[in-house]
Amino acid sequence: MQAFNELFHMATGRTPHGYQARIARDGLPSVVQAPTGTGKTGIILAWLWRRFHEPHRDQTPRRLVYALPQRSLVEQVAGEAGRWLENLGLADEVALHVVMGGAGSRNGSGGWICTGPRSSSARWIPSSARR
């Protein structure tokens, strides 16, 4: 299995930030908070490397949930992750599912099923799935 730095470079054409390499080596935190433009999306590759790297495989969750507050960000990150999977030759092995709502609803709920109080922002239902 290739080193994380090699996988990251093959996927993105860049070298990883130090914190991305540390997350690949040490494990995924529950939440990552970092300023805009510092490579948070690249943590997807840390998860992917850990899933395919034998010593870490059993310690790494089978699924990664990457939550974002805006449709435009979801589309941007999903597009980038999809390109990375293509670059790595993994697009047929790793499923990429996009979950978002807010469009095309007739009942005014924006395509979401409410799982909390009506005023809650926690509303989830898969509205599309992509590879």
N, C-alpha and C. Protein backbone atom coordinates (compact mmCIF):
# COMPACT_ATOMS: atom_id res chain seq x y z
N MET A 1 0.85 -1.20 0.00
CA MET A 1 0.00 0.00 0.00
C MET A 1 0.88 1.24 0.00
N GLN A 2 0.50 2.21 -0.78
CA GLN A 2 1.28 3.43 -0.87
C GLN A 2 1.13 4.28 0.39
N ALA A 3 2.10 5.14 0.58
CA ALA A 3 2.06 6.07 1.71
C ALA A 3 0.97 7.11 1.47
N PHE A 4 0.49 7.70 2.56
CA PHE A 4 -0.57 8.70 2.44
C PHE A 4 -0.15 9.85 1.54
N ASN A 5 1.09 10.34 1.69
CA ASN A 5 1.54 11.48 0.87
C ASN A 5 1.45 11.16 -0.61
N GLU A 6 1.77 9.92 -0.99
CA GLU A 6 1.69 9.50 -2.39
C GLU A 6 0.24 9.46 -2.86
N LEU A 7 -0.64 8.88 -2.05
CA LEU A 7 -2.06 8.81 -2.40
C LEU A 7 -2.63 10.21 -2.55
N PHE A 8 -2.31 11.09 -1.62
CA PHE A 8 -2.81 12.46 -1.65
C PHE A 8 -2.35 13.16 -2.93
N HIS A 9 -1.08 13.00 -3.26
CA HIS A 9 -0.54 13.65 -4.46
C HIS A 9 -1.17 13.08 -5.73
N MET A 10 -1.37 11.77 -5.77
CA MET A 10 -2.00 11.15 -6.93
C MET A 10 -3.44 11.67 -7.11
N ALA A 11 -4.14 11.87 -6.01
CA ALA A 11 -5.53 12.32 -6.06
C ALA A 11 -5.63 13.80 -6.42
N THR A 12 -4.77 14.62 -5.82
CA THR A 12 -4.94 16.08 -5.90
C THR A 12 -3.89 16.81 -6.72
N GLY A 13 -2.73 16.17 -6.91
CA GLY A 13 -1.61 16.86 -7.56
C GLY A 13 -0.83 17.74 -6.60
N ARG A 14 -1.16 17.69 -5.33
CA ARG A 14 -0.49 18.51 -4.30
C ARG A 14 0.02 17.62 -3.18
N THR A 15 0.82 18.19 -2.31
CA THR A 15 1.25 17.47 -1.12
C THR A 15 0.30 17.84 0.02
N PRO A 16 0.07 16.93 0.95
CA PRO A 16 -0.85 17.23 2.04
C PRO A 16 -0.26 18.21 3.05
N HIS A 17 -1.15 18.93 3.72
CA HIS A 17 -0.74 19.75 4.87
C HIS A 17 -0.33 18.79 5.99
N GLY A 18 0.49 19.27 6.90
CA GLY A 18 0.94 18.44 8.01
C GLY A 18 -0.20 17.87 8.82
N TYR A 19 -1.23 18.66 9.08
CA TYR A 19 -2.34 18.16 9.90
C TYR A 19 -3.12 17.06 9.18
N GLN A 20 -3.19 17.12 7.84
CA GLN A 20 -3.87 16.07 7.09
C GLN A 20 -3.10 14.76 7.21
N ALA A 21 -1.78 14.83 7.11
CA ALA A 21 -0.95 13.63 7.25
C ALA A 21 -1.04 13.07 8.67
N ARG A 22 -1.10 13.95 9.67
CA ARG A 22 -1.25 13.48 11.06
C ARG A 22 -2.58 12.78 11.27
N ILE A 23 -3.64 13.30 10.67
CA ILE A 23 -4.95 12.66 10.80
C ILE A 23 -4.93 11.29 10.12
N ALA A 24 -4.27 11.20 8.97
CA ALA A 24 -4.15 9.90 8.30
C ALA A 24 -3.38 8.92 9.19
N ARG A 25 -2.34 9.39 9.83
CA ARG A 25 -1.51 8.52 10.67
C ARG A 25 -2.19 8.18 11.99
N ASP A 26 -2.76 9.20 12.66
CA ASP A 26 -3.23 9.03 14.04
C ASP A 26 -4.71 8.69 14.17
N GLY A 27 -5.49 8.95 13.16
CA GLY A 27 -6.92 8.68 13.23
C GLY A 27 -7.76 9.93 13.08
N LEU A 28 -9.01 9.70 12.80
CA LEU A 28 -9.94 10.79 12.52
C LEU A 28 -10.57 11.34 13.79
N PRO A 29 -10.57 12.66 13.95
CA PRO A 29 -11.29 13.25 15.08
C PRO A 29 -12.78 13.27 14.77
N SER A 30 -13.59 13.51 15.78
CA SER A 30 -15.04 13.59 15.57
C SER A 30 -15.42 14.81 14.75
N VAL A 31 -14.72 15.91 14.98
CA VAL A 31 -15.00 17.18 14.31
C VAL A 31 -13.67 17.83 13.95
N VAL A 32 -13.62 18.45 12.78
CA VAL A 32 -12.44 19.21 12.39
C VAL A 32 -12.87 20.65 12.18
N GLN A 33 -12.19 21.55 12.87
CA GLN A 33 -12.45 22.97 12.69
C GLN A 33 -11.15 23.62 12.25
N ALA A 34 -11.20 24.26 11.09
CA ALA A 34 -10.03 24.94 10.55
C ALA A 34 -10.53 26.08 9.67
N PRO A 35 -9.70 27.10 9.50
CA PRO A 35 -10.12 28.24 8.68
C PRO A 35 -10.37 27.84 7.23
N THR A 36 -11.16 28.64 6.54
CA THR A 36 -11.44 28.45 5.13
C THR A 36 -10.13 28.41 4.34
N GLY A 37 -10.05 27.46 3.42
CA GLY A 37 -8.89 27.39 2.54
C GLY A 37 -7.70 26.63 3.09
N THR A 38 -7.88 25.93 4.20
CA THR A 38 -6.75 25.22 4.79
C THR A 38 -6.78 23.71 4.53
N GLY A 39 -7.66 23.26 3.66
CA GLY A 39 -7.62 21.88 3.23
C GLY A 39 -8.47 20.88 4.00
N LYS A 40 -9.56 21.35 4.60
CA LYS A 40 -10.42 20.42 5.35
C LYS A 40 -10.97 19.32 4.45
N THR A 41 -11.27 19.62 3.20
CA THR A 41 -11.80 18.62 2.29
C THR A 41 -10.82 17.47 2.10
N GLY A 42 -9.53 17.75 2.18
CA GLY A 42 -8.51 16.73 2.02
C GLY A 42 -8.54 15.65 3.09
N ILE A 43 -9.25 15.91 4.17
CA ILE A 43 -9.38 14.90 5.22
C ILE A 43 -10.15 13.69 4.70
N ILE A 44 -10.95 13.89 3.68
CA ILE A 44 -11.62 12.76 3.04
C ILE A 44 -10.58 11.74 2.59
N LEU A 45 -9.47 12.22 2.07
CA LEU A 45 -8.40 11.32 1.62
C LEU A 45 -7.71 10.62 2.78
N ALA A 46 -7.62 11.29 3.93
CA ALA A 46 -7.06 10.63 5.12
C ALA A 46 -7.94 9.46 5.52
N TRP A 47 -9.26 9.66 5.51
CA TRP A 47 -10.20 8.57 5.81
C TRP A 47 -10.04 7.44 4.80
N LEU A 48 -10.00 7.80 3.51
CA LEU A 48 -9.90 6.80 2.46
C LEU A 48 -8.62 5.99 2.61
N TRP A 49 -7.51 6.65 2.87
CA TRP A 49 -6.24 5.95 3.03
C TRP A 49 -6.30 4.98 4.21
N ARG A 50 -6.89 5.43 5.31
CA ARG A 50 -7.01 4.56 6.48
C ARG A 50 -7.91 3.35 6.18
N ARG A 51 -8.95 3.52 5.38
CA ARG A 51 -9.84 2.40 5.02
C ARG A 51 -9.12 1.36 4.17
N PHE A 52 -8.16 1.80 3.35
CA PHE A 52 -7.46 0.88 2.46
C PHE A 52 -6.12 0.42 3.01
N HIS A 53 -5.62 1.08 4.04
CA HIS A 53 -4.31 0.75 4.60
C HIS A 53 -4.52 -0.29 5.70
N GLU A 54 -4.01 -1.48 5.50
CA GLU A 54 -4.32 -2.63 6.34
C GLU A 54 -4.18 -2.42 7.85
N PRO A 55 -3.13 -1.82 8.36
CA PRO A 55 -3.05 -1.70 9.83
C PRO A 55 -4.18 -0.87 10.43
N HIS A 56 -4.78 0.03 9.63
CA HIS A 56 -5.80 0.94 10.15
C HIS A 56 -7.22 0.56 9.75
N ARG A 57 -7.35 -0.39 8.85
CA ARG A 57 -8.65 -0.70 8.26
C ARG A 57 -9.74 -0.99 9.29
N ASP A 58 -9.44 -1.84 10.26
CA ASP A 58 -10.45 -2.22 11.25
C ASP A 58 -10.74 -1.12 12.26
N GLN A 59 -9.87 -0.14 12.35
CA GLN A 59 -10.04 0.96 13.31
C GLN A 59 -10.73 2.17 12.67
N THR A 60 -11.01 2.08 11.39
CA THR A 60 -11.57 3.22 10.65
C THR A 60 -13.01 2.93 10.26
N PRO A 61 -13.92 3.85 10.53
CA PRO A 61 -15.33 3.63 10.17
C PRO A 61 -15.48 3.34 8.68
N ARG A 62 -16.45 2.50 8.36
CA ARG A 62 -16.71 2.15 6.95
C ARG A 62 -17.27 3.33 6.17
N ARG A 63 -17.91 4.23 6.86
CA ARG A 63 -18.53 5.37 6.19
C ARG A 63 -18.02 6.68 6.78
N LEU A 64 -17.94 7.67 5.93
CA LEU A 64 -17.55 9.02 6.35
C LEU A 64 -18.71 9.94 6.05
N VAL A 65 -19.15 10.68 7.04
CA VAL A 65 -20.20 11.68 6.85
C VAL A 65 -19.53 13.05 6.88
N TYR A 66 -19.71 13.78 5.82
CA TYR A 66 -19.09 15.10 5.66
C TYR A 66 -20.24 16.09 5.53
N ALA A 67 -20.55 16.78 6.61
CA ALA A 67 -21.72 17.67 6.64
C ALA A 67 -21.33 19.10 6.33
N LEU A 68 -22.12 19.73 5.48
CA LEU A 68 -21.87 21.10 5.07
C LEU A 68 -23.16 21.90 5.12
N PRO A 69 -23.07 23.21 5.35
CA PRO A 69 -24.28 24.01 5.55
C PRO A 69 -24.96 24.53 4.29
N GLN A 70 -24.32 24.43 3.12
CA GLN A 70 -24.90 25.03 1.92
C GLN A 70 -24.81 24.07 0.74
N ARG A 71 -25.83 24.12 -0.11
CA ARG A 71 -25.85 23.28 -1.31
C ARG A 71 -24.63 23.50 -2.18
N SER A 72 -24.22 24.75 -2.34
CA SER A 72 -23.07 25.05 -3.20
C SER A 72 -21.81 24.37 -2.67
N LEU A 73 -21.65 24.33 -1.36
CA LEU A 73 -20.50 23.65 -0.77
C LEU A 73 -20.59 22.15 -0.95
N VAL A 74 -21.80 21.60 -0.79
CA VAL A 74 -22.01 20.17 -0.99
C VAL A 74 -21.61 19.80 -2.41
N GLU A 75 -22.09 20.55 -3.38
CA GLU A 75 -21.79 20.26 -4.78
C GLU A 75 -20.30 20.38 -5.06
N GLN A 76 -19.65 21.39 -4.48
CA GLN A 76 -18.22 21.60 -4.68
C GLN A 76 -17.42 20.44 -4.10
N VAL A 77 -17.70 20.07 -2.86
CA VAL A 77 -16.95 18.99 -2.20
C VAL A 77 -17.23 17.64 -2.87
N ALA A 78 -18.48 17.38 -3.23
CA ALA A 78 -18.81 16.13 -3.90
C ALA A 78 -18.08 16.03 -5.25
N GLY A 79 -18.02 17.12 -5.98
CA GLY A 79 -17.31 17.13 -7.26
C GLY A 79 -15.83 16.86 -7.07
N GLU A 80 -15.24 17.49 -6.06
CA GLU A 80 -13.82 17.28 -5.79
C GLU A 80 -13.54 15.84 -5.36
N ALA A 81 -14.36 15.32 -4.45
CA ALA A 81 -14.18 13.94 -3.99
C ALA A 81 -14.35 12.96 -5.16
N GLY A 82 -15.31 13.22 -6.03
CA GLY A 82 -15.51 12.37 -7.20
C GLY A 82 -14.30 12.37 -8.12
N ARG A 83 -13.71 13.54 -8.35
CA ARG A 83 -12.50 13.63 -9.17
C ARG A 83 -11.34 12.87 -8.52
N TRP A 84 -11.22 12.99 -7.20
CA TRP A 84 -10.16 12.27 -6.50
C TRP A 84 -10.33 10.76 -6.67
N LEU A 85 -11.55 10.28 -6.51
CA LEU A 85 -11.79 8.85 -6.68
C LEU A 85 -11.44 8.40 -8.11
N GLU A 86 -11.79 9.22 -9.09
CA GLU A 86 -11.43 8.92 -10.48
C GLU A 86 -9.91 8.88 -10.64
N ASN A 87 -9.22 9.89 -10.11
CA ASN A 87 -7.76 9.97 -10.23
C ASN A 87 -7.08 8.76 -9.60
N LEU A 88 -7.68 8.23 -8.55
CA LEU A 88 -7.12 7.08 -7.84
C LEU A 88 -7.58 5.74 -8.42
N GLY A 89 -8.48 5.78 -9.40
CA GLY A 89 -9.02 4.55 -9.97
C GLY A 89 -9.96 3.82 -9.03
N LEU A 90 -10.60 4.57 -8.13
CA LEU A 90 -11.47 3.96 -7.12
C LEU A 90 -12.94 4.31 -7.28
N ALA A 91 -13.29 4.97 -8.36
CA ALA A 91 -14.67 5.42 -8.53
C ALA A 91 -15.67 4.26 -8.56
N ASP A 92 -15.23 3.08 -8.99
CA ASP A 92 -16.12 1.92 -9.02
C ASP A 92 -16.08 1.12 -7.72
N GLU A 93 -15.13 1.41 -6.84
CA GLU A 93 -14.98 0.68 -5.58
C GLU A 93 -15.53 1.44 -4.38
N VAL A 94 -15.51 2.76 -4.44
CA VAL A 94 -15.93 3.58 -3.31
C VAL A 94 -17.16 4.39 -3.74
N ALA A 95 -18.28 4.16 -3.09
CA ALA A 95 -19.51 4.88 -3.43
C ALA A 95 -19.49 6.27 -2.81
N LEU A 96 -19.90 7.24 -3.59
CA LEU A 96 -20.03 8.62 -3.13
C LEU A 96 -21.51 8.98 -3.19
N HIS A 97 -22.11 9.19 -2.04
CA HIS A 97 -23.53 9.54 -1.97
C HIS A 97 -23.67 10.97 -1.51
N VAL A 98 -24.53 11.71 -2.18
CA VAL A 98 -24.78 13.10 -1.84
C VAL A 98 -26.19 13.20 -1.28
N VAL A 99 -26.30 13.79 -0.11
CA VAL A 99 -27.60 13.96 0.55
C VAL A 99 -27.82 15.45 0.74
N MET A 100 -28.87 15.97 0.11
CA MET A 100 -29.22 17.37 0.33
C MET A 100 -30.67 17.58 -0.02
N GLY A 101 -31.22 18.60 0.51
CA GLY A 101 -32.61 18.91 0.26
C GLY A 101 -32.78 20.37 -0.07
N GLY A 102 -34.03 20.77 -0.16
CA GLY A 102 -34.31 22.17 -0.37
C GLY A 102 -34.82 22.53 -1.74
N ALA A 103 -34.94 21.57 -2.65
CA ALA A 103 -35.40 21.90 -3.99
C ALA A 103 -36.48 20.93 -4.44
N GLY A 104 -37.42 21.47 -5.20
CA GLY A 104 -38.40 20.62 -5.86
C GLY A 104 -39.49 20.04 -4.98
N SER A 105 -39.78 20.62 -3.84
CA SER A 105 -40.80 20.08 -2.97
C SER A 105 -42.13 20.77 -3.21
N ARG A 106 -43.19 19.98 -3.24
CA ARG A 106 -44.53 20.56 -3.39
C ARG A 106 -45.15 20.90 -2.04
N ASN A 107 -44.69 20.25 -0.98
CA ASN A 107 -45.34 20.46 0.31
C ASN A 107 -44.70 21.58 1.13
N GLY A 108 -43.75 22.29 0.55
CA GLY A 108 -43.14 23.42 1.26
C GLY A 108 -42.06 23.02 2.24
N SER A 109 -41.76 21.74 2.36
CA SER A 109 -40.73 21.32 3.31
C SER A 109 -39.34 21.35 2.70
N GLY A 110 -39.24 21.71 1.41
CA GLY A 110 -37.95 21.78 0.77
C GLY A 110 -37.34 20.42 0.49
N GLY A 111 -38.15 19.36 0.46
CA GLY A 111 -37.63 18.05 0.16
C GLY A 111 -37.09 17.29 1.35
N TRP A 112 -37.19 17.87 2.52
CA TRP A 112 -36.66 17.24 3.73
C TRP A 112 -37.78 16.58 4.52
N ILE A 113 -37.47 15.54 5.23
CA ILE A 113 -38.37 15.01 6.25
C ILE A 113 -37.88 15.55 7.57
N CYS A 114 -38.76 16.17 8.30
CA CYS A 114 -38.38 16.80 9.57
C CYS A 114 -38.17 15.74 10.63
N THR A 115 -36.99 15.74 11.26
CA THR A 115 -36.70 14.77 12.32
C THR A 115 -36.69 15.43 13.69
N GLY A 116 -37.04 16.68 13.73
CA GLY A 116 -37.08 17.41 14.99
C GLY A 116 -38.19 18.43 14.92
N PRO A 117 -38.20 19.38 15.82
CA PRO A 117 -39.22 20.43 15.77
C PRO A 117 -39.19 21.14 14.42
N ARG A 118 -40.30 21.64 13.99
CA ARG A 118 -40.41 22.29 12.68
C ARG A 118 -39.37 23.38 12.50
N SER A 119 -38.98 24.04 13.57
CA SER A 119 -38.01 25.13 13.46
C SER A 119 -36.58 24.62 13.47
N SER A 120 -36.39 23.33 13.70
CA SER A 120 -35.04 22.76 13.77
C SER A 120 -34.38 22.74 12.39
N SER A 121 -33.08 22.88 12.36
CA SER A 121 -32.36 22.77 11.10
C SER A 121 -31.95 21.33 10.82
N ALA A 122 -32.26 20.42 11.73
CA ALA A 122 -31.88 19.01 11.56
C ALA A 122 -32.97 18.27 10.81
N ARG A 123 -32.93 18.35 9.51
CA ARG A 123 -33.91 17.68 8.65
C ARG A 123 -33.15 16.90 7.60
N TRP A 124 -33.39 15.61 7.51
CA TRP A 124 -32.59 14.77 6.62
C TRP A 124 -33.44 13.78 5.85
N ILE A 125 -33.20 13.67 4.57
CA ILE A 125 -33.68 12.58 3.75
C ILE A 125 -32.82 12.56 2.49
N PRO A 126 -32.38 11.41 2.07
CA PRO A 126 -31.58 11.37 0.83
C PRO A 126 -32.43 11.84 -0.34
N SER A 127 -32.01 12.88 -1.03
CA SER A 127 -32.75 13.35 -2.19
C SER A 127 -32.07 12.96 -3.48
N SER A 128 -30.83 12.52 -3.39
CA SER A 128 -30.14 12.02 -4.57
C SER A 128 -28.95 11.20 -4.12
N ALA A 129 -28.53 10.29 -4.95
CA ALA A 129 -27.34 9.51 -4.69
C ALA A 129 -26.52 9.49 -5.97
N ARG A 130 -25.25 9.81 -5.83
CA ARG A 130 -24.38 9.84 -7.01
C ARG A 130 -23.16 8.98 -6.75
N ARG A 131 -22.53 8.60 -7.80
CA ARG A 131 -21.24 7.90 -7.72
C ARG A 131 -20.15 8.87 -7.95
